[in-house]
Protein backbone atom coordinates (compact mmCIF):
# COMPACT_ATOMS: atom_id res chain seq x y z
CA MET A 1 0.00 0.00 0.00
CA ARG A 2 2.91 2.33 0.76
CA PHE A 3 4.45 1.53 -2.61
CA LEU A 4 1.17 2.46 -4.34
CA ALA A 5 0.97 5.80 -2.49
CA ILE A 6 4.59 6.64 -3.33
CA SER A 7 3.94 5.73 -6.98
CA PHE A 8 0.96 8.10 -7.17
CA CYS A 9 3.06 10.92 -5.69
CA ALA A 10 5.84 10.25 -8.20
CA LEU A 11 3.36 10.27 -11.09
CA ALA A 12 1.98 13.56 -9.86
CA LEU A 13 5.44 15.16 -9.86
CA ILE A 14 6.58 13.90 -13.29
CA PRO A 15 4.76 16.55 -15.40
CA GLY A 16 6.26 19.38 -13.33
CA ALA A 17 9.77 17.99 -13.67
CA ALA A 18 9.37 17.39 -17.40
CA SER A 19 8.42 20.99 -18.15
CA ALA A 20 11.20 22.42 -15.97
CA GLN A 21 13.72 22.15 -18.82
CA GLN A 22 11.58 23.97 -21.37
CA SER A 23 12.06 27.66 -22.08
CA LYS A 24 9.42 30.12 -20.97
CA GLN A 25 6.76 30.94 -23.49
CA THR A 26 5.67 34.54 -24.06
CA SER A 27 1.97 33.72 -24.48
CA THR A 28 -0.24 34.50 -21.52
CA LYS A 29 -1.98 31.63 -19.87
CA GLY A 30 -5.09 31.68 -17.80
CA PRO A 31 -8.27 33.74 -17.92
CA THR A 32 -8.35 37.01 -19.80
CA LEU A 33 -10.72 39.94 -19.69
CA GLN A 34 -12.02 39.11 -23.18
CA SER A 35 -12.88 35.54 -22.20
CA ALA A 36 -14.73 36.80 -19.11
CA ALA A 37 -17.10 38.92 -21.21
CA VAL A 38 -20.52 37.43 -21.81
CA GLY A 39 -22.53 38.16 -24.93
CA PHE A 40 -21.63 40.01 -28.10
CA SER A 41 -18.77 42.46 -28.35
CA VAL A 42 -18.87 45.37 -30.76
CA LYS A 43 -15.63 46.52 -32.30
CA GLU A 44 -16.10 49.99 -33.66
CA ALA A 45 -14.11 51.06 -36.67
CA LYS A 46 -12.29 54.37 -36.58
CA VAL A 47 -14.81 56.91 -37.88
CA ASP A 48 -14.84 60.67 -38.00
CA ALA A 49 -17.09 62.41 -35.52
CA SER A 50 -18.89 64.08 -38.43
CA THR A 51 -20.06 60.75 -39.88
CA LYS A 52 -21.08 59.17 -36.62
CA VAL A 53 -24.84 59.36 -36.07
CA THR A 54 -26.45 58.68 -32.74
CA ALA A 55 -30.03 57.47 -32.75
CA ALA A 56 -32.42 57.61 -29.86
CA PRO A 57 -32.88 54.25 -28.15
CA VAL A 58 -36.12 52.44 -28.85
CA VAL A 59 -38.26 52.43 -25.73
CA ALA A 60 -41.00 49.85 -25.39
CA ARG A 61 -44.21 51.54 -24.32
CA HIS A 62 -46.35 50.11 -21.52
CA GLN A 63 -44.33 46.93 -21.39
CA GLY A 64 -44.62 46.69 -17.60
CA GLN A 65 -48.40 47.08 -17.77
CA ASP A 66 -48.68 44.28 -20.33
CA VAL A 67 -46.63 41.92 -18.19
CA ALA A 68 -48.81 42.83 -15.22
CA PHE A 69 -51.93 41.96 -17.25
CA MET A 70 -50.48 38.55 -18.05
CA ALA A 71 -49.53 37.91 -14.42
CA VAL A 72 -52.94 38.95 -13.09
CA GLY A 73 -54.62 36.79 -15.74
CA VAL A 74 -52.66 33.72 -14.68
CA GLY A 75 -53.39 34.49 -11.04
CA ALA A 76 -57.09 34.77 -11.79
CA MET A 77 -57.02 31.44 -13.62
CA ILE A 78 -55.38 29.77 -10.62
CA ALA A 79 -57.86 31.38 -8.25
CA GLY A 80 -60.76 30.26 -10.45
CA ALA A 81 -59.44 26.70 -10.45
CA LEU A 82 -59.27 26.77 -6.65
CA ILE A 83 -62.78 28.22 -6.30
CA GLY A 84 -64.40 25.68 -8.60
CA GLY A 85 -67.98 25.53 -9.79
CA THR A 86 -69.67 28.01 -12.10
CA ALA A 87 -68.08 31.03 -10.41
CA GLY A 88 -64.64 29.50 -10.77
CA THR A 89 -65.22 28.82 -14.45
CA ILE A 90 -66.23 32.44 -15.02
CA ILE A 91 -63.10 33.64 -13.19
CA ILE A 92 -60.90 31.27 -15.23
CA ILE A 93 -62.38 32.58 -18.50
CA GLY A 94 -61.94 36.19 -17.37
CA GLY A 95 -58.35 35.54 -16.32
CA ALA A 96 -57.58 33.86 -19.63
CA GLY A 97 -59.03 36.84 -21.48
CA LEU A 98 -56.99 39.30 -19.41
CA GLY A 99 -53.83 37.26 -19.92
CA LEU A 100 -54.40 37.08 -23.67
CA ILE A 101 -54.99 40.84 -23.87
CA GLY A 102 -51.72 41.41 -22.03
CA LEU A 103 -49.91 38.98 -24.31
CA TYR A 104 -51.35 40.64 -27.42
CA HIS A 105 -50.20 44.10 -26.35
CA TYR A 106 -46.82 42.74 -25.21
CA LEU A 107 -46.14 41.15 -28.60
CA GLU A 108 -47.47 44.12 -30.56
């Protein structure tokens, strides 16, 4: 068992000893700032300030209200399912309608 443990330690040290004789490489190893970025990166070309045009950002109107309609519609459908009976069915249909109206305006 001791021989097996010493063999594992020796095998673990072999790669370090083998690379000790090699010359240092100039390439950087490890994580870089570019690899840490998530998503798309935009590389702007060099452009004169006279040709660069800035456009106003597109703002979605009433997007929060539409999401709220969808959430309230789902909540009403759940409440209608818990209530049951004819009243519950009416509440489920109303909640589905409210959720669909919110979805329609959200996707518009």
